[in-house]
Amino acid sequence: FRSGLDRALKEGADIIVNTDGDGQYSGACIADLVKPVLEGRADIVIGDRRTANNPEFGAIKKLLQRLGSYVVRTLSGVAVHDAVSGFRAISAKAALRLNVLSTFSYTVEMIIQAGNKQMRVVSVPVDTNPATRESRLFRNIPQFVSRQLVGMLRMYAMYRPMRFFFYLGSLLSAIGIIPVVRFLLAYSAGEGDGHIQSLVLGGAFLTMGFMVFVSGLLSDLISHNRQLAEITLEKVRAMELERIRNTASLEQAALARASDPGRGTEQP
């Protein structure tokens, strides 16, 4: 996907449209897909398959799609209705800012990045074609769900590490407080000797919670370096793209002069 974006940018694309190789999306909807970008209302447009009323989706897939899209909306802060739809239009400026790292699926990662980078994302309804074969991206639905969930958590931890580790550390600390309180109640009743294991268990969870909090702080500091690196990478890409386009323009001008030797010369 990243290679495709780079190639499209080098070819001078202003808007890049991506679709899946299984042909499930109707090409007739491309005009609707790029319209919000052309009107300046969006940086990324996602095709909404309207899975709730789509006969190609079974009951389980509809439920998982709704649940997955809800989780992505919560994690990214982006109002998207079909989070895993691969039918998308991307402006050239947005393509320069995207850094896809996932080796499984770029769809969710792109949305989380877009939300973190304050890109404008809108959804438009699109039509789909009947399925011709089973997906080759995953063997079954549980595998797809598990891999997408891991990807979501990974991206959320990458772009919002302090919040992610704060939630995780709070959970561990809350679990640790329960056996500690149990020990204190037993100790106040004069039965502390028989509940030492509660103190040990609670102390272990509290220690893990503290370590997770520290990890969140360190990750947050590291994320600032990542943001600076992404800004630098974006500028380098823009400079490289400008150089490629300028070189192409000079080559075209040279070919034009070579094919018309008299062009540009003064007439006596």
Protein backbone atom coordinates (compact mmCIF):
# COMPACT_ATOMS: atom_id res chain seq x y z
CA PHE A 1 0.00 0.00 0.00
CA ARG A 2 2.80 2.40 0.88
CA SER A 3 4.56 1.61 -2.40
CA GLY A 4 1.33 2.31 -4.26
CA LEU A 5 0.97 5.70 -2.60
CA ASP A 6 4.58 6.61 -3.39
CA ARG A 7 4.19 5.60 -7.03
CA ALA A 8 0.95 7.55 -7.40
CA LEU A 9 2.56 10.66 -5.91
CA LYS A 10 5.55 10.36 -8.23
CA GLU A 11 3.15 10.14 -11.17
CA GLY A 12 1.70 13.50 -10.12
CA ALA A 13 -1.60 12.31 -8.62
CA ASP A 14 -3.71 14.89 -6.80
CA ILE A 15 -6.16 12.28 -5.49
CA ILE A 16 -5.40 8.58 -4.99
CA VAL A 17 -8.19 6.00 -5.05
CA ASN A 18 -7.54 2.60 -3.49
CA THR A 19 -9.72 -0.46 -3.93
CA ASP A 20 -9.43 -4.11 -2.96
CA GLY A 21 -8.17 -6.72 -5.39
CA ASP A 22 -11.23 -8.94 -4.97
CA GLY A 23 -13.36 -6.52 -6.96
CA GLN A 24 -16.04 -6.18 -4.29
CA TYR A 25 -16.41 -2.42 -4.78
CA SER A 26 -18.27 -0.87 -7.70
CA GLY A 27 -16.01 1.31 -9.83
CA ALA A 28 -19.01 3.47 -10.70
CA CYS A 29 -18.82 4.94 -7.17
CA ILE A 30 -15.36 6.46 -7.66
CA ALA A 31 -16.89 9.82 -8.61
CA ASP A 32 -18.82 9.90 -5.32
CA LEU A 33 -15.68 8.87 -3.46
CA VAL A 34 -13.46 11.68 -4.74
CA LYS A 35 -16.12 14.41 -4.61
CA PRO A 36 -15.52 15.45 -0.94
CA VAL A 37 -11.78 15.76 -1.65
CA LEU A 38 -12.39 17.86 -4.77
CA GLU A 39 -14.73 20.11 -2.80
CA GLY A 40 -12.09 20.56 -0.09
CA ARG A 41 -14.25 18.95 2.61
CA ALA A 42 -12.06 15.93 3.30
CA ASP A 43 -8.50 14.63 3.25
CA ILE A 44 -9.59 10.97 3.29
CA VAL A 45 -12.89 9.53 2.11
CA ILE A 46 -13.96 6.01 3.09
CA GLY A 47 -16.56 4.06 1.17
CA ASP A 48 -19.35 2.84 3.44
CA ARG A 49 -20.68 -0.55 2.30
CA ARG A 50 -23.79 -0.10 4.47
CA THR A 51 -23.29 -3.55 5.89
CA ALA A 52 -26.48 -3.46 7.95
CA ASN A 53 -28.52 -3.77 4.74
CA ASN A 54 -25.94 -5.55 2.58
CA PRO A 55 -27.04 -9.10 1.62
CA GLU A 56 -23.38 -10.10 1.13
CA PHE A 57 -22.84 -9.91 4.91
CA GLY A 58 -24.11 -12.55 7.28
CA ALA A 59 -25.46 -11.81 10.76
CA ILE A 60 -22.13 -12.50 12.49
CA LYS A 61 -20.15 -10.35 10.07
CA LYS A 62 -22.66 -7.51 10.46
CA LEU A 63 -22.36 -7.66 14.24
CA LEU A 64 -18.56 -7.79 14.17
CA GLN A 65 -18.41 -4.95 11.64
CA ARG A 66 -20.58 -2.70 13.81
CA LEU A 67 -18.62 -3.58 16.94
CA GLY A 68 -15.26 -3.13 15.20
CA SER A 69 -16.22 0.22 13.71
CA TYR A 70 -17.40 1.38 17.14
CA VAL A 71 -14.07 0.43 18.70
CA VAL A 72 -12.16 2.22 15.93
CA ARG A 73 -14.31 5.35 16.36
CA THR A 74 -13.59 5.29 20.08
CA LEU A 75 -9.84 4.80 19.70
CA SER A 76 -9.35 7.27 16.84
CA GLY A 77 -11.98 9.93 17.51
CA VAL A 78 -12.98 9.69 13.83
CA ALA A 79 -16.65 9.28 12.90
CA VAL A 80 -16.30 6.34 10.52
CA HIS A 81 -19.08 3.87 9.74
CA ASP A 82 -17.14 1.13 7.90
CA ALA A 83 -13.68 1.01 9.46
CA VAL A 84 -12.26 -1.88 7.41
CA SER A 85 -13.51 -0.72 4.02
CA GLY A 86 -10.64 -0.71 1.52
CA PHE A 87 -12.41 1.61 -0.95
CA ARG A 88 -10.87 5.00 -0.18
CA ALA A 89 -9.90 8.30 -1.75
CA ILE A 90 -6.84 10.06 -0.36
CA SER A 91 -5.58 13.54 -1.17
CA ALA A 92 -1.94 13.91 -2.14
CA LYS A 93 -1.27 16.00 0.96
CA ALA A 94 -2.75 13.30 3.21
CA ALA A 95 -0.77 10.59 1.41
CA LEU A 96 2.46 12.41 2.21
CA ARG A 97 1.60 12.34 5.92
CA LEU A 98 0.59 8.69 6.16
CA ASN A 99 3.12 6.14 7.42
CA VAL A 100 1.72 2.63 7.15
CA LEU A 101 3.55 0.13 9.35
CA SER A 102 1.11 -2.77 9.61
CA THR A 103 1.93 -5.93 7.66
CA PHE A 104 -1.66 -7.21 7.83
CA SER A 105 -4.08 -4.41 6.99
CA TYR A 106 -3.64 -0.68 6.55
CA THR A 107 -7.34 0.19 6.97
CA VAL A 108 -7.58 0.62 10.73
CA GLU A 109 -4.07 2.01 11.06
CA MET A 110 -4.86 4.76 8.54
CA ILE A 111 -7.93 5.86 10.51
CA ILE A 112 -6.07 6.00 13.82
CA GLN A 113 -3.26 7.98 12.18
CA ALA A 114 -5.76 10.33 10.55
CA GLY A 115 -7.43 11.01 13.88
CA ASN A 116 -4.10 11.59 15.61
CA LYS A 117 -2.94 13.97 12.85
CA GLN A 118 -6.23 15.90 12.74
CA MET A 119 -7.06 14.91 9.16
CA ARG A 120 -10.59 15.35 7.88
CA VAL A 121 -12.21 11.96 7.28
CA VAL A 122 -15.70 11.48 5.84
CA SER A 123 -17.71 8.46 4.73
CA VAL A 124 -19.85 8.11 1.61
CA PRO A 125 -22.18 5.23 0.72
CA VAL A 126 -20.88 2.92 -2.01
CA ASP A 127 -22.21 -0.13 -3.83
CA THR A 128 -20.60 -3.56 -3.74
CA ASN A 129 -20.40 -6.44 -6.18
CA PRO A 130 -21.31 -10.05 -5.32
CA ALA A 131 -18.46 -12.05 -3.78
CA THR A 132 -16.68 -14.40 -6.19
CA ARG A 133 -14.41 -16.20 -3.70
CA GLU A 134 -13.43 -16.39 -0.04
CA SER A 135 -10.96 -13.89 1.37
CA ARG A 136 -7.27 -14.76 1.01
CA LEU A 137 -6.23 -12.23 3.64
CA PHE A 138 -7.35 -14.41 6.54
CA ARG A 139 -8.49 -18.01 7.02
CA ASN A 140 -11.50 -17.37 9.23
CA ILE A 141 -13.36 -14.64 11.10
CA PRO A 142 -11.72 -15.26 14.53
CA GLN A 143 -8.27 -14.86 12.97
CA PHE A 144 -9.32 -11.64 11.26
CA VAL A 145 -10.82 -10.22 14.47
CA SER A 146 -7.80 -11.14 16.60
CA ARG A 147 -5.30 -9.66 14.15
CA GLN A 148 -7.31 -6.47 13.75
CA LEU A 149 -7.65 -6.13 17.52
CA VAL A 150 -3.91 -6.53 18.02
CA GLY A 151 -3.32 -3.92 15.32
CA MET A 152 -5.77 -1.48 16.93
CA LEU A 153 -4.14 -1.77 20.36
CA ARG A 154 -0.67 -1.46 18.84
CA MET A 155 -1.57 1.70 16.94
CA TYR A 156 -3.38 3.20 19.92
CA ALA A 157 -0.38 2.53 22.16
CA MET A 158 1.89 4.09 19.55
CA TYR A 159 -0.05 7.31 19.06
CA ARG A 160 -1.55 7.75 22.52
CA PRO A 161 0.86 5.89 24.81
CA MET A 162 0.18 7.88 27.97
CA ARG A 163 -3.55 7.19 27.85
CA PHE A 164 -3.07 3.53 26.89
CA PHE A 165 -0.61 2.76 29.67
CA PHE A 166 -2.57 4.86 32.17
CA TYR A 167 -5.66 2.73 31.58
CA LEU A 168 -3.65 -0.48 31.79
CA GLY A 169 -1.76 0.65 34.89
CA SER A 170 -4.99 1.76 36.57
CA LEU A 171 -6.53 -1.66 35.92
CA LEU A 172 -3.56 -3.48 37.44
CA SER A 173 -3.49 -1.12 40.42
CA ALA A 174 -7.22 -1.56 41.03
CA ILE A 175 -6.79 -5.34 41.01
CA GLY A 176 -3.87 -4.99 43.43
CA ILE A 177 -5.79 -2.80 45.87
CA ILE A 178 -8.48 -5.44 46.43
CA PRO A 179 -6.27 -8.09 48.14
CA VAL A 180 -4.37 -5.36 50.02
CA VAL A 181 -7.63 -4.04 51.47
CA ARG A 182 -8.59 -7.62 52.31
CA PHE A 183 -5.34 -8.03 54.23
CA LEU A 184 -5.80 -4.72 56.07
CA LEU A 185 -9.31 -5.68 57.14
CA ALA A 186 -8.06 -9.05 58.38
CA TYR A 187 -5.11 -7.40 60.12
CA SER A 188 -7.36 -4.93 61.91
CA ALA A 189 -9.39 -7.91 63.15
CA GLY A 190 -6.24 -9.57 64.47
CA GLU A 191 -6.09 -12.20 61.71
CA GLY A 192 -3.33 -10.74 59.56
CA ASP A 193 -1.04 -13.76 59.83
CA GLY A 194 -3.42 -15.89 57.81
CA HIS A 195 -3.72 -13.44 54.94
CA ILE A 196 -0.11 -12.66 54.08
CA GLN A 197 -0.69 -14.11 50.60
CA SER A 198 -3.23 -11.34 49.93
CA LEU A 199 -0.61 -8.73 50.78
CA VAL A 200 1.95 -10.40 48.52
CA LEU A 201 -0.49 -10.71 45.63
CA GLY A 202 -1.72 -7.14 46.00
CA GLY A 203 1.83 -5.84 46.25
CA ALA A 204 2.75 -7.66 43.05
CA PHE A 205 -0.15 -6.12 41.12
CA LEU A 206 0.54 -2.65 42.53
CA THR A 207 4.19 -2.98 41.51
CA MET A 208 3.18 -4.00 37.99
CA GLY A 209 0.78 -1.07 37.84
CA PHE A 210 3.53 1.34 38.86
CA MET A 211 5.90 -0.10 36.27
CA VAL A 212 3.22 0.29 33.59
CA PHE A 213 2.74 3.94 34.60
CA VAL A 214 6.49 4.51 34.23
CA SER A 215 6.44 2.74 30.86
CA GLY A 216 3.66 5.08 29.75
CA LEU A 217 5.70 8.11 30.75
CA LEU A 218 8.75 6.87 28.85
CA SER A 219 6.64 5.93 25.83
CA ASP A 220 5.07 9.39 25.81
CA LEU A 221 8.51 10.99 25.73
CA ILE A 222 9.58 8.66 22.92
CA SER A 223 6.41 9.47 20.97
CA HIS A 224 7.51 13.11 20.74
CA ASN A 225 10.67 11.97 18.98
CA ARG A 226 8.53 9.88 16.63
CA GLN A 227 6.40 12.91 15.82
CA LEU A 228 9.51 14.96 15.00
CA ALA A 229 10.78 12.12 12.81
CA GLU A 230 7.45 11.97 10.97
CA ILE A 231 7.52 15.72 10.34
CA THR A 232 11.04 15.41 8.96
CA LEU A 233 10.05 12.43 6.81
CA GLU A 234 7.07 14.33 5.43
CA LYS A 235 9.30 17.25 4.41
CA VAL A 236 11.85 14.91 2.82
CA ARG A 237 9.09 13.19 0.84
CA ALA A 238 7.73 16.54 -0.33
CA MET A 239 11.20 17.66 -1.43
CA GLU A 240 11.85 14.37 -3.23
CA LEU A 241 8.47 14.54 -4.94
CA GLU A 242 9.12 18.11 -6.08
CA ARG A 243 12.53 17.11 -7.43
CA ILE A 244 11.05 14.19 -9.37
CA ARG A 245 8.33 16.37 -10.86
CA ASN A 246 10.81 19.10 -11.80
CA THR A 247 13.08 16.55 -13.44
CA ALA A 248 10.15 15.14 -15.40
CA SER A 249 9.17 18.64 -16.55
CA LEU A 250 12.71 19.37 -17.72
CA GLU A 251 12.87 16.05 -19.59
CA GLN A 252 9.57 16.77 -21.32
CA ALA A 253 10.77 20.23 -22.30
CA ALA A 254 14.01 18.79 -23.67
CA LEU A 255 12.09 16.20 -25.71
CA ALA A 256 9.82 18.92 -27.06
CA ARG A 257 12.80 21.01 -28.18
CA ALA A 258 14.45 17.96 -29.73
CA SER A 259 11.34 17.10 -31.73
CA ASP A 260 10.94 20.72 -32.91
CA PRO A 261 14.42 22.21 -33.46
CA GLY A 262 13.02 25.52 -34.68
CA ARG A 263 10.89 26.05 -31.62
CA GLY A 264 11.98 28.96 -29.45
CA THR A 265 14.43 30.40 -32.03
CA GLU A 266 14.11 33.97 -33.23
CA GLN A 267 12.81 34.60 -36.72
CA PRO A 268 14.91 36.91 -38.95
